[in-house]
């Protein structure tokens, strides 16, 4: 699953002034972890996991593999680990996010299915397109923030276009079509997970 997250790694020096409990463990860099079974883990756009639910930017299903950047924030109440999806080399545009380290375990090589079906609420109005590209035909349909949308597959599958947008195939009354889960380069998250009715 690709996510809408910070587009670059958090600079350690500037962050350490704001958060003296921020550190880097070089032995963790690139280490594989996965979300624990029977857990869907919320991911955040910064290290304030407990105090700012508005910073929740997505959900990783049980078994999803991530790689560690080595950066941690240990607050006493929780440890926030900076991670990126383990699907390629870490580059300056690789999306990163923060997760509660207690929800991670070592990688086993198997990814169990999610614990239940997932639907999405929208954070913004989205145009429904015929394909997973910004220049794909506009279907004439839109989803608004009050819409609950159903992905075409369970678990949801995603496709990334050449501009870095992450697209989700969704069910519509006509046929499966596509909405942009993120903005360009995977920045911003247009969708919020919600249990299906």
Protein backbone atom coordinates (compact mmCIF):
# COMPACT_ATOMS: atom_id res chain seq x y z
CA UNK A 1 0.00 0.00 0.00
CA UNK A 2 1.40 3.39 -0.91
CA UNK A 3 0.60 6.20 1.39
CA UNK A 4 0.36 9.94 1.52
CA UNK A 5 3.16 10.88 3.83
CA UNK A 6 5.94 13.37 4.30
CA UNK A 7 7.90 13.56 1.06
CA UNK A 8 11.31 13.63 2.69
CA UNK A 9 13.01 12.26 5.75
CA UNK A 10 12.82 14.31 8.90
CA UNK A 11 16.10 16.18 9.43
CA UNK A 12 17.50 14.96 12.73
CA UNK A 13 19.30 18.16 13.72
CA UNK A 14 16.33 20.53 13.33
CA UNK A 15 13.93 18.08 14.95
CA UNK A 16 16.14 17.37 17.93
CA UNK A 17 15.78 20.95 19.11
CA UNK A 18 12.01 20.55 19.25
CA UNK A 19 12.05 16.95 20.47
CA UNK A 20 15.09 16.15 22.64
CA UNK A 21 13.79 12.56 22.88
CA UNK A 22 14.39 12.04 19.12
CA UNK A 23 17.31 9.77 18.25
CA UNK A 24 18.76 7.71 15.44
CA UNK A 25 19.80 4.08 15.85
CA UNK A 26 21.99 3.27 12.85
CA UNK A 27 21.63 -0.48 13.39
CA UNK A 28 17.91 -0.15 12.62
CA UNK A 29 18.33 1.62 9.26
CA UNK A 30 16.62 -0.41 6.53
CA UNK A 31 15.50 -3.07 9.01
CA UNK A 32 12.36 -4.98 8.06
CA UNK A 33 9.33 -4.88 10.38
CA UNK A 34 5.71 -5.80 9.87
CA UNK A 35 2.46 -4.83 11.50
CA UNK A 36 1.50 -7.43 14.12
CA UNK A 37 -1.21 -9.94 13.31
CA UNK A 38 -4.76 -8.97 14.33
CA UNK A 39 -3.67 -5.32 14.30
CA UNK A 40 -4.42 -2.54 11.86
CA UNK A 41 -1.86 0.16 12.67
CA UNK A 42 -2.58 3.87 12.27
CA UNK A 43 0.21 5.90 10.70
CA UNK A 44 0.91 9.57 11.36
CA UNK A 45 2.62 12.46 9.61
CA UNK A 46 4.65 13.35 12.72
CA UNK A 47 5.76 11.94 16.06
CA UNK A 48 2.80 13.19 18.14
CA UNK A 49 0.96 9.86 18.07
CA UNK A 50 -1.10 10.33 21.21
CA UNK A 51 -2.13 13.97 21.15
CA UNK A 52 -3.10 14.78 17.56
CA UNK A 53 -5.55 12.37 15.91
CA UNK A 54 -5.81 14.90 13.09
CA UNK A 55 -2.30 13.81 12.11
CA UNK A 56 -3.51 10.29 11.31
CA UNK A 57 -2.89 9.84 7.60
CA UNK A 58 -3.71 6.21 6.94
CA UNK A 59 -3.80 2.63 8.12
CA UNK A 60 -1.50 -0.31 7.52
CA UNK A 61 -3.12 -3.74 7.62
CA UNK A 62 -1.84 -6.66 9.70
CA UNK A 63 1.27 -8.15 8.12
CA UNK A 64 2.19 -5.07 6.06
CA UNK A 65 5.97 -4.84 5.82
CA UNK A 66 7.77 -1.57 6.43
CA UNK A 67 11.42 -0.59 6.62
CA UNK A 68 12.89 1.46 9.45
CA UNK A 69 14.76 4.70 8.84
CA UNK A 70 16.47 4.29 12.21
CA UNK A 71 14.83 7.43 13.66
CA UNK A 72 12.87 6.99 16.90
CA UNK A 73 11.09 9.21 19.38
CA UNK A 74 10.84 7.61 22.84
CA UNK A 75 8.40 9.59 24.97
CA UNK A 76 7.89 7.25 27.92
CA UNK A 77 4.27 6.71 26.86
CA UNK A 78 5.15 5.30 23.44
CA UNK A 79 7.97 4.91 20.95
CA UNK A 80 7.33 6.44 17.54
CA UNK A 81 9.31 4.77 14.76
CA UNK A 82 9.85 6.44 11.40
CA UNK A 83 9.15 3.97 8.59
CA UNK A 84 8.70 3.71 4.85
CA UNK A 85 7.00 1.01 2.81
CA UNK A 86 9.42 -1.80 2.10
CA UNK A 87 8.94 -1.81 -1.67
CA UNK A 88 12.12 -0.25 -2.97
CA UNK A 89 15.17 1.82 -2.17
CA UNK A 90 14.79 4.81 0.11
CA UNK A 91 15.14 7.96 -1.98
CA UNK A 92 14.47 11.64 -1.36
CA UNK A 93 10.90 11.15 -2.62
CA UNK A 94 10.15 7.85 -0.86
CA UNK A 95 7.11 8.45 1.40
CA UNK A 96 7.80 8.14 5.11
CA UNK A 97 5.58 8.22 8.18
CA UNK A 98 5.49 7.49 11.90
CA UNK A 99 4.01 4.46 13.64
CA UNK A 100 3.77 3.19 17.22
CA UNK A 101 6.67 0.75 17.47
CA UNK A 102 4.61 -1.47 19.82
CA UNK A 103 2.48 -2.39 16.80
CA UNK A 104 5.46 -3.79 14.89
CA UNK A 105 7.20 -7.13 14.97
CA UNK A 106 10.06 -8.73 13.01
CA UNK A 107 9.30 -9.74 9.45
CA UNK A 108 8.22 -13.34 8.84
CA UNK A 109 7.88 -13.22 5.08
CA UNK A 110 4.13 -13.85 5.07
CA UNK A 111 1.41 -11.23 4.95
CA UNK A 112 -1.88 -12.31 6.50
CA UNK A 113 -5.08 -10.85 5.09
CA UNK A 114 -6.57 -7.83 6.85
CA UNK A 115 -8.92 -8.55 9.72
CA UNK A 116 -11.97 -7.12 7.92
CA UNK A 117 -13.18 -5.28 4.88
CA UNK A 118 -12.08 -1.67 4.58
CA UNK A 119 -13.94 1.25 3.05
CA UNK A 120 -12.90 4.90 2.90
CA UNK A 121 -14.26 8.32 3.78
CA UNK A 122 -12.91 11.21 1.77
CA UNK A 123 -11.01 14.16 3.21
CA UNK A 124 -11.76 16.23 0.09
CA UNK A 125 -13.94 16.09 -3.04
CA UNK A 126 -12.42 13.77 -5.65
CA UNK A 127 -13.05 13.41 -9.37
CA UNK A 128 -13.65 9.80 -10.44
CA UNK A 129 -11.47 8.91 -13.42
CA UNK A 130 -11.52 6.02 -15.88
CA UNK A 131 -7.91 5.06 -15.19
CA UNK A 132 -5.10 5.58 -12.67
CA UNK A 133 -3.70 8.79 -14.19
CA UNK A 134 -4.50 12.49 -13.83
CA UNK A 135 -5.12 12.70 -17.60
CA UNK A 136 -7.50 9.70 -17.64
CA UNK A 137 -11.02 10.54 -18.73
CA UNK A 138 -13.24 12.28 -16.20
CA UNK A 139 -16.24 9.97 -15.71
CA UNK A 140 -18.50 12.86 -14.73
CA UNK A 141 -18.78 11.46 -11.21
CA UNK A 142 -17.33 12.94 -8.03
CA UNK A 143 -17.14 11.73 -4.45
CA UNK A 144 -17.54 14.28 -1.66
CA UNK A 145 -16.28 14.13 1.95
CA UNK A 146 -19.60 12.62 3.07
CA UNK A 147 -19.15 9.72 0.63
CA UNK A 148 -18.23 6.27 1.87
CA UNK A 149 -16.41 4.53 -0.97
CA UNK A 150 -15.78 0.83 -1.43
CA UNK A 151 -12.50 -0.34 -2.98
CA UNK A 152 -12.87 -2.68 -5.95
CA UNK A 153 -10.77 -5.32 -4.16
CA UNK A 154 -10.36 -6.42 -0.55
CA UNK A 155 -7.77 -5.82 0.67
CA UNK A 156 -7.54 -2.59 -1.31
CA UNK A 157 -4.97 -2.50 -4.11
CA UNK A 158 -3.20 0.60 -5.33
CA UNK A 159 -1.35 1.79 -8.41
CA UNK A 160 1.17 4.63 -8.58
CA UNK A 161 1.23 6.84 -11.66
CA UNK A 162 4.33 8.48 -13.17
CA UNK A 163 3.71 11.70 -11.20
CA UNK A 164 3.80 9.77 -7.91
CA UNK A 165 0.05 9.90 -7.24
CA UNK A 166 -1.33 6.76 -5.65
CA UNK A 167 -4.63 5.59 -7.18
CA UNK A 168 -7.31 3.35 -5.72
CA UNK A 169 -9.75 1.36 -7.90
CA UNK A 170 -13.26 1.86 -6.48
CA UNK A 171 -16.72 0.50 -7.15
CA UNK A 172 -19.19 2.90 -8.75
CA UNK A 173 -22.72 2.37 -10.00
CA UNK A 174 -21.34 2.12 -13.55
CA UNK A 175 -18.17 0.03 -13.23
CA UNK A 176 -14.89 0.07 -11.36
CA UNK A 177 -13.13 3.42 -11.75
CA UNK A 178 -10.28 5.25 -10.01
CA UNK A 179 -9.74 8.00 -7.42
CA UNK A 180 -6.49 9.61 -6.33
CA UNK A 181 -5.60 8.38 -2.85
CA UNK A 182 -2.78 10.95 -2.67
CA UNK A 183 -1.51 14.05 -4.41
CA UNK A 184 1.61 14.18 -6.62
CA UNK A 185 4.68 12.36 -5.24
CA UNK A 186 2.52 10.59 -2.66
CA UNK A 187 2.03 13.80 -0.67
CA UNK A 188 -1.23 14.32 1.27
CA UNK A 189 -3.79 11.63 1.92
CA UNK A 190 -7.24 12.04 0.43
CA UNK A 191 -8.76 9.00 2.12
CA UNK A 192 -9.51 7.96 5.69
CA UNK A 193 -10.12 4.28 6.45
CA UNK A 194 -13.53 3.27 7.75
CA UNK A 195 -15.04 -0.17 8.41
CA UNK A 196 -17.45 -1.19 5.69
CA UNK A 197 -21.13 -1.32 6.77
